[in-house]
């Protein structure tokens, strides 16, 4: 617990939040809400387009186009405690779907783009505190 007099109330509050969530912030509070992971170079363009669409809706996201294996990038997103990791491959590009994985889970779920956006915006709007 931070309790030094040299810190103001805002700094103490931020410290308490970081300590309470152990860095795994809920979606609405996370600096990066979604990490978009294209399976390979062929999917980079679709991933960038997806990033632009989501940012227009006010969703904070990043695309990881590094030449690393997908498993490595997924693990790194989990280590960085990013609430949602989106995997973009051939199926997602062709069918306009999203395959996502929530933080601290191994299950990957595939849903339509519109359903996913509705789900994320609802979760941000309601400011859920539980990391499910």
N, C-alpha and C. Protein backbone atom coordinates (compact mmCIF):
# COMPACT_ATOMS: atom_id res chain seq x y z
N UNK A 1 0.84 -1.18 0.00
CA UNK A 1 0.00 0.00 0.00
C UNK A 1 0.89 1.24 0.00
N UNK A 2 0.58 2.17 -0.87
CA UNK A 2 1.33 3.43 -0.93
C UNK A 2 0.71 4.40 0.07
N UNK A 3 1.52 4.91 0.96
CA UNK A 3 0.97 5.83 1.97
C UNK A 3 1.93 6.96 2.29
N UNK A 4 2.80 7.28 1.37
CA UNK A 4 3.78 8.33 1.61
C UNK A 4 3.13 9.70 1.49
N UNK A 5 3.56 10.63 2.31
CA UNK A 5 3.01 11.98 2.30
C UNK A 5 3.39 12.74 1.03
N UNK A 6 4.47 12.33 0.36
CA UNK A 6 4.90 13.06 -0.84
C UNK A 6 4.00 12.76 -2.04
N UNK A 7 3.10 11.79 -1.91
CA UNK A 7 2.16 11.50 -2.98
C UNK A 7 0.83 12.19 -2.68
N UNK A 8 0.19 12.71 -3.73
CA UNK A 8 -1.12 13.32 -3.57
C UNK A 8 -2.21 12.26 -3.57
N UNK A 9 -3.44 12.69 -3.37
CA UNK A 9 -4.54 11.74 -3.30
C UNK A 9 -4.76 11.00 -4.62
N UNK A 10 -4.56 11.69 -5.74
CA UNK A 10 -4.72 11.03 -7.04
C UNK A 10 -3.69 9.92 -7.21
N UNK A 11 -2.44 10.22 -6.87
CA UNK A 11 -1.38 9.22 -6.99
C UNK A 11 -1.64 8.02 -6.09
N UNK A 12 -2.11 8.27 -4.87
CA UNK A 12 -2.42 7.17 -3.96
C UNK A 12 -3.57 6.33 -4.51
N UNK A 13 -4.58 7.00 -5.07
CA UNK A 13 -5.71 6.29 -5.64
C UNK A 13 -5.27 5.41 -6.80
N UNK A 14 -4.44 5.94 -7.69
CA UNK A 14 -3.92 5.16 -8.81
C UNK A 14 -3.11 3.97 -8.29
N UNK A 15 -2.31 4.20 -7.27
CA UNK A 15 -1.53 3.12 -6.67
C UNK A 15 -2.42 2.03 -6.10
N UNK A 16 -3.51 2.42 -5.46
CA UNK A 16 -4.45 1.44 -4.90
C UNK A 16 -5.11 0.64 -6.01
N UNK A 17 -5.48 1.31 -7.10
CA UNK A 17 -6.10 0.60 -8.23
C UNK A 17 -5.14 -0.41 -8.83
N UNK A 18 -3.89 0.01 -9.05
CA UNK A 18 -2.89 -0.90 -9.62
C UNK A 18 -2.67 -2.09 -8.70
N UNK A 19 -2.57 -1.81 -7.41
CA UNK A 19 -2.36 -2.88 -6.44
C UNK A 19 -3.56 -3.82 -6.37
N UNK A 20 -4.75 -3.26 -6.39
CA UNK A 20 -5.97 -4.06 -6.28
C UNK A 20 -6.14 -5.00 -7.47
N UNK A 21 -5.92 -4.49 -8.68
CA UNK A 21 -6.10 -5.31 -9.88
C UNK A 21 -4.84 -6.07 -10.27
N UNK A 22 -3.74 -5.84 -9.58
CA UNK A 22 -2.45 -6.48 -9.88
C UNK A 22 -2.08 -6.29 -11.35
N UNK A 23 -2.43 -5.14 -11.90
CA UNK A 23 -2.09 -4.82 -13.28
C UNK A 23 -3.07 -5.37 -14.31
N UNK A 24 -3.96 -6.28 -13.92
CA UNK A 24 -4.95 -6.86 -14.84
C UNK A 24 -6.23 -6.03 -14.77
N UNK A 25 -6.18 -4.87 -15.40
CA UNK A 25 -7.30 -3.94 -15.32
C UNK A 25 -8.52 -4.47 -16.06
N UNK A 26 -9.72 -4.06 -15.60
CA UNK A 26 -10.92 -4.42 -16.37
C UNK A 26 -10.87 -3.72 -17.73
N UNK A 27 -11.66 -4.20 -18.66
CA UNK A 27 -11.62 -3.71 -20.04
C UNK A 27 -11.71 -2.19 -20.14
N UNK A 28 -12.65 -1.59 -19.43
CA UNK A 28 -12.88 -0.15 -19.56
C UNK A 28 -11.73 0.68 -19.02
N UNK A 29 -10.88 0.11 -18.17
CA UNK A 29 -9.79 0.85 -17.55
C UNK A 29 -8.43 0.56 -18.17
N UNK A 30 -8.32 -0.53 -18.91
CA UNK A 30 -7.04 -0.95 -19.48
C UNK A 30 -6.55 0.04 -20.54
N UNK A 31 -5.26 0.38 -20.51
CA UNK A 31 -4.72 1.30 -21.52
C UNK A 31 -4.83 0.71 -22.94
N UNK A 32 -4.57 -0.57 -23.08
CA UNK A 32 -4.77 -1.29 -24.35
C UNK A 32 -5.86 -2.32 -24.08
N UNK A 33 -7.00 -2.15 -24.72
CA UNK A 33 -8.13 -3.03 -24.47
C UNK A 33 -8.09 -4.30 -25.30
N UNK A 34 -7.57 -4.20 -26.52
CA UNK A 34 -7.51 -5.35 -27.42
C UNK A 34 -6.15 -5.41 -28.10
N UNK A 35 -5.63 -6.61 -28.24
CA UNK A 35 -4.41 -6.85 -29.02
C UNK A 35 -4.84 -7.67 -30.23
N UNK A 36 -4.61 -7.16 -31.43
CA UNK A 36 -4.98 -7.86 -32.66
C UNK A 36 -3.75 -8.59 -33.17
N UNK A 37 -3.90 -9.91 -33.33
CA UNK A 37 -2.77 -10.77 -33.71
C UNK A 37 -3.04 -11.46 -35.04
N UNK A 38 -2.50 -10.92 -36.14
CA UNK A 38 -2.64 -11.62 -37.42
C UNK A 38 -1.81 -12.90 -37.41
N UNK A 39 -2.34 -13.97 -37.99
CA UNK A 39 -1.65 -15.26 -38.00
C UNK A 39 -0.34 -15.15 -38.78
N UNK A 40 -0.37 -14.49 -39.95
CA UNK A 40 0.86 -14.25 -40.71
C UNK A 40 0.74 -12.96 -41.52
N UNK A 41 1.75 -12.65 -42.32
CA UNK A 41 1.80 -11.38 -43.06
C UNK A 41 0.58 -11.14 -43.94
N UNK A 42 0.03 -12.20 -44.49
CA UNK A 42 -1.12 -12.08 -45.40
C UNK A 42 -2.30 -11.40 -44.71
N UNK A 43 -2.41 -11.55 -43.40
CA UNK A 43 -3.55 -11.04 -42.64
C UNK A 43 -3.30 -9.65 -42.05
N UNK A 44 -2.10 -9.10 -42.25
CA UNK A 44 -1.77 -7.79 -41.66
C UNK A 44 -2.70 -6.68 -42.13
N UNK A 45 -3.01 -6.66 -43.42
CA UNK A 45 -3.87 -5.60 -43.96
C UNK A 45 -5.26 -5.65 -43.32
N UNK A 46 -5.82 -6.84 -43.21
CA UNK A 46 -7.14 -6.99 -42.58
C UNK A 46 -7.08 -6.57 -41.11
N UNK A 47 -5.99 -6.93 -40.43
CA UNK A 47 -5.83 -6.57 -39.02
C UNK A 47 -5.75 -5.05 -38.85
N UNK A 48 -5.02 -4.37 -39.73
CA UNK A 48 -4.90 -2.90 -39.66
C UNK A 48 -6.26 -2.24 -39.92
N UNK A 49 -7.01 -2.78 -40.88
CA UNK A 49 -8.34 -2.25 -41.17
C UNK A 49 -9.25 -2.43 -39.96
N UNK A 50 -9.16 -3.58 -39.33
CA UNK A 50 -9.95 -3.87 -38.13
C UNK A 50 -9.58 -2.90 -37.01
N UNK A 51 -8.29 -2.63 -36.86
CA UNK A 51 -7.82 -1.69 -35.84
C UNK A 51 -8.43 -0.31 -36.08
N UNK A 52 -8.43 0.16 -37.32
CA UNK A 52 -9.01 1.48 -37.64
C UNK A 52 -10.50 1.52 -37.29
N UNK A 53 -11.23 0.47 -37.64
CA UNK A 53 -12.67 0.42 -37.37
C UNK A 53 -12.94 0.47 -35.87
N UNK A 54 -12.17 -0.30 -35.10
CA UNK A 54 -12.37 -0.35 -33.65
C UNK A 54 -11.98 0.97 -32.99
N UNK A 55 -10.90 1.59 -33.46
CA UNK A 55 -10.49 2.88 -32.89
C UNK A 55 -11.51 3.97 -33.17
N UNK A 56 -12.17 3.91 -34.34
CA UNK A 56 -13.24 4.87 -34.64
C UNK A 56 -14.39 4.76 -33.64
N UNK A 57 -14.57 3.56 -33.09
CA UNK A 57 -15.63 3.33 -32.09
C UNK A 57 -15.17 3.68 -30.68
N UNK A 58 -13.91 4.11 -30.53
CA UNK A 58 -13.39 4.49 -29.22
C UNK A 58 -12.76 3.34 -28.46
N UNK A 59 -12.47 2.24 -29.14
CA UNK A 59 -11.86 1.08 -28.49
C UNK A 59 -10.35 1.18 -28.68
N UNK A 60 -9.62 1.10 -27.57
CA UNK A 60 -8.15 1.21 -27.63
C UNK A 60 -7.56 -0.15 -27.99
N UNK A 61 -6.89 -0.21 -29.14
CA UNK A 61 -6.33 -1.48 -29.58
C UNK A 61 -4.99 -1.28 -30.29
N UNK A 62 -4.26 -2.38 -30.41
CA UNK A 62 -2.97 -2.39 -31.10
C UNK A 62 -2.90 -3.64 -31.96
N UNK A 63 -2.13 -3.55 -33.05
CA UNK A 63 -1.88 -4.71 -33.91
C UNK A 63 -0.44 -5.13 -33.70
N UNK A 64 -0.23 -6.41 -33.47
CA UNK A 64 1.13 -6.96 -33.30
C UNK A 64 1.50 -7.68 -34.60
N UNK A 65 2.28 -7.01 -35.45
CA UNK A 65 2.66 -7.58 -36.75
C UNK A 65 4.09 -8.11 -36.75
N UNK A 66 4.65 -8.33 -35.58
CA UNK A 66 6.03 -8.83 -35.53
C UNK A 66 6.13 -10.21 -36.15
N UNK A 67 7.31 -10.57 -36.57
CA UNK A 67 7.57 -11.85 -37.23
C UNK A 67 7.80 -12.97 -36.21
N UNK A 68 7.07 -12.95 -35.12
CA UNK A 68 7.16 -13.99 -34.09
C UNK A 68 6.04 -15.00 -34.32
N UNK A 69 6.17 -16.17 -33.71
CA UNK A 69 5.12 -17.18 -33.81
C UNK A 69 3.87 -16.69 -33.09
N UNK A 70 2.72 -17.13 -33.55
CA UNK A 70 1.45 -16.70 -32.97
C UNK A 70 1.37 -17.06 -31.49
N UNK A 71 1.80 -18.26 -31.12
CA UNK A 71 1.76 -18.68 -29.72
C UNK A 71 2.58 -17.76 -28.82
N UNK A 72 3.72 -17.32 -29.32
CA UNK A 72 4.57 -16.40 -28.57
C UNK A 72 3.86 -15.06 -28.37
N UNK A 73 3.24 -14.55 -29.44
CA UNK A 73 2.55 -13.26 -29.34
C UNK A 73 1.31 -13.35 -28.45
N UNK A 74 0.61 -14.49 -28.50
CA UNK A 74 -0.54 -14.69 -27.61
C UNK A 74 -0.10 -14.71 -26.15
N UNK A 75 0.97 -15.43 -25.89
CA UNK A 75 1.49 -15.51 -24.52
C UNK A 75 1.94 -14.13 -24.03
N UNK A 76 2.58 -13.37 -24.91
CA UNK A 76 3.03 -12.04 -24.52
C UNK A 76 1.85 -11.12 -24.21
N UNK A 77 0.77 -11.23 -24.98
CA UNK A 77 -0.43 -10.44 -24.70
C UNK A 77 -1.00 -10.82 -23.33
N UNK A 78 -0.96 -12.12 -23.00
CA UNK A 78 -1.42 -12.57 -21.69
C UNK A 78 -0.51 -12.05 -20.58
N UNK A 79 0.80 -12.08 -20.83
CA UNK A 79 1.76 -11.58 -19.83
C UNK A 79 1.59 -10.07 -19.60
N UNK A 80 1.20 -9.35 -20.66
CA UNK A 80 0.96 -7.91 -20.55
C UNK A 80 -0.43 -7.60 -19.99
N UNK A 81 -1.19 -8.65 -19.70
CA UNK A 81 -2.52 -8.55 -19.08
C UNK A 81 -3.50 -7.73 -19.91
N UNK A 82 -3.44 -7.93 -21.22
CA UNK A 82 -4.37 -7.25 -22.12
C UNK A 82 -5.70 -8.02 -22.07
N UNK A 83 -6.82 -7.32 -21.82
CA UNK A 83 -8.10 -8.00 -21.62
C UNK A 83 -8.54 -8.94 -22.75
N UNK A 84 -8.35 -8.55 -24.01
CA UNK A 84 -8.76 -9.38 -25.13
C UNK A 84 -7.65 -9.50 -26.16
N UNK A 85 -7.41 -10.72 -26.63
CA UNK A 85 -6.48 -10.97 -27.73
C UNK A 85 -7.32 -11.48 -28.90
N UNK A 86 -7.22 -10.80 -30.05
CA UNK A 86 -7.97 -11.20 -31.23
C UNK A 86 -7.02 -11.87 -32.22
N UNK A 87 -7.38 -13.06 -32.68
CA UNK A 87 -6.57 -13.79 -33.65
C UNK A 87 -7.24 -13.65 -35.01
N UNK A 88 -6.48 -13.16 -35.99
CA UNK A 88 -7.01 -12.94 -37.34
C UNK A 88 -6.29 -13.87 -38.31
N UNK A 89 -7.06 -14.80 -38.88
CA UNK A 89 -6.53 -15.75 -39.85
C UNK A 89 -7.38 -15.76 -41.11
N UNK A 90 -7.21 -16.79 -41.93
CA UNK A 90 -7.97 -16.90 -43.19
C UNK A 90 -9.48 -16.92 -42.94
N UNK A 91 -9.91 -17.73 -41.98
CA UNK A 91 -11.34 -17.88 -41.69
C UNK A 91 -11.96 -16.54 -41.28
N UNK A 92 -11.27 -15.81 -40.42
CA UNK A 92 -11.79 -14.53 -39.93
C UNK A 92 -11.86 -13.50 -41.06
N UNK A 93 -10.87 -13.50 -41.94
CA UNK A 93 -10.87 -12.56 -43.08
C UNK A 93 -12.01 -12.86 -44.04
N UNK A 94 -12.22 -14.13 -44.34
CA UNK A 94 -13.25 -14.52 -45.32
C UNK A 94 -14.66 -14.34 -44.78
N UNK A 95 -14.87 -14.68 -43.51
CA UNK A 95 -16.23 -14.70 -42.95
C UNK A 95 -16.57 -13.46 -42.13
N UNK A 96 -15.65 -12.50 -42.03
CA UNK A 96 -15.84 -11.29 -41.22
C UNK A 96 -16.23 -11.64 -39.77
N UNK A 97 -15.43 -12.54 -39.19
CA UNK A 97 -15.65 -12.95 -37.80
C UNK A 97 -14.44 -12.55 -36.97
N UNK A 98 -14.58 -12.70 -35.67
CA UNK A 98 -13.51 -12.41 -34.72
C UNK A 98 -13.32 -13.66 -33.87
N UNK A 99 -12.08 -14.10 -33.74
CA UNK A 99 -11.75 -15.16 -32.79
C UNK A 99 -10.98 -14.47 -31.67
N UNK A 100 -11.53 -14.54 -30.46
CA UNK A 100 -10.91 -13.83 -29.35
C UNK A 100 -10.64 -14.75 -28.18
N UNK A 101 -9.75 -14.28 -27.34
CA UNK A 101 -9.39 -14.98 -26.10
C UNK A 101 -9.31 -13.92 -25.00
N UNK A 102 -10.07 -14.13 -23.94
CA UNK A 102 -10.02 -13.20 -22.81
C UNK A 102 -8.80 -13.47 -21.95
N UNK A 103 -8.37 -12.45 -21.24
CA UNK A 103 -7.22 -12.58 -20.36
C UNK A 103 -7.46 -13.70 -19.34
N UNK A 104 -6.43 -14.47 -19.07
CA UNK A 104 -6.41 -15.54 -18.06
C UNK A 104 -7.31 -16.72 -18.42
N UNK A 105 -7.65 -16.87 -19.70
CA UNK A 105 -8.39 -18.05 -20.14
C UNK A 105 -7.66 -18.68 -21.32
N UNK A 106 -7.95 -19.93 -21.57
CA UNK A 106 -7.35 -20.62 -22.71
C UNK A 106 -8.36 -20.80 -23.85
N UNK A 107 -9.64 -20.58 -23.53
CA UNK A 107 -10.71 -20.80 -24.50
C UNK A 107 -10.72 -19.70 -25.57
N UNK A 108 -10.78 -20.11 -26.83
CA UNK A 108 -10.92 -19.16 -27.93
C UNK A 108 -12.34 -19.25 -28.47
N UNK A 109 -12.96 -18.08 -28.63
CA UNK A 109 -14.35 -18.01 -29.07
C UNK A 109 -14.41 -17.27 -30.40
N UNK A 110 -15.19 -17.79 -31.34
CA UNK A 110 -15.37 -17.13 -32.63
C UNK A 110 -16.81 -16.64 -32.74
N UNK A 111 -16.96 -15.33 -33.00
CA UNK A 111 -18.28 -14.73 -33.20
C UNK A 111 -18.18 -13.72 -34.34
N UNK A 112 -19.33 -13.23 -34.78
CA UNK A 112 -19.34 -12.25 -35.87
C UNK A 112 -18.76 -10.93 -35.37
N UNK A 113 -18.26 -10.14 -36.30
CA UNK A 113 -17.66 -8.85 -35.97
C UNK A 113 -18.68 -7.96 -35.24
N UNK A 114 -19.90 -7.89 -35.77
CA UNK A 114 -20.93 -7.03 -35.17
C UNK A 114 -21.27 -7.45 -33.75
N UNK A 115 -21.38 -8.77 -33.52
CA UNK A 115 -21.65 -9.29 -32.17
C UNK A 115 -20.52 -8.91 -31.21
N UNK A 116 -19.29 -9.06 -31.70
CA UNK A 116 -18.13 -8.77 -30.86
C UNK A 116 -18.10 -7.30 -30.47
N UNK A 117 -18.33 -6.42 -31.44
CA UNK A 117 -18.32 -4.98 -31.16
C UNK A 117 -19.41 -4.64 -30.15
N UNK A 118 -20.58 -5.21 -30.32
CA UNK A 118 -21.69 -4.97 -29.39
C UNK A 118 -21.31 -5.42 -27.98
N UNK A 119 -20.68 -6.59 -27.88
CA UNK A 119 -20.26 -7.14 -26.58
C UNK A 119 -19.23 -6.24 -25.91
N UNK A 120 -18.22 -5.82 -26.66
CA UNK A 120 -17.15 -4.99 -26.11
C UNK A 120 -17.68 -3.63 -25.67
N UNK A 121 -18.47 -2.99 -26.52
CA UNK A 121 -19.02 -1.68 -26.17
C UNK A 121 -19.92 -1.77 -24.95
N UNK A 122 -20.68 -2.85 -24.83
CA UNK A 122 -21.53 -3.04 -23.65
C UNK A 122 -20.67 -3.20 -22.39
N UNK A 123 -19.62 -4.00 -22.50
CA UNK A 123 -18.73 -4.23 -21.36
C UNK A 123 -18.04 -2.93 -20.93
N UNK A 124 -17.67 -2.10 -21.90
CA UNK A 124 -17.03 -0.82 -21.58
C UNK A 124 -18.05 0.12 -20.94
N UNK A 125 -19.25 0.16 -21.51
CA UNK A 125 -20.29 1.08 -21.01
C UNK A 125 -20.72 0.73 -19.59
N UNK A 126 -20.87 -0.56 -19.29
CA UNK A 126 -21.33 -0.96 -17.96
C UNK A 126 -20.22 -0.96 -16.92
N UNK A 127 -18.97 -0.80 -17.39
CA UNK A 127 -17.80 -0.73 -16.50
C UNK A 127 -17.74 -1.91 -15.53
N UNK A 128 -17.84 -3.11 -16.10
CA UNK A 128 -17.73 -4.32 -15.28
C UNK A 128 -16.37 -4.36 -14.59
N UNK A 129 -16.35 -4.78 -13.33
CA UNK A 129 -15.10 -4.87 -12.60
C UNK A 129 -14.52 -6.27 -12.60
N UNK A 130 -15.35 -7.26 -12.83
CA UNK A 130 -14.86 -8.64 -12.79
C UNK A 130 -14.15 -8.98 -14.08
N UNK A 131 -12.99 -9.58 -13.95
CA UNK A 131 -12.27 -10.10 -15.11
C UNK A 131 -12.74 -11.53 -15.28
N UNK A 132 -13.60 -11.76 -16.27
CA UNK A 132 -14.20 -13.09 -16.46
C UNK A 132 -13.39 -13.88 -17.45
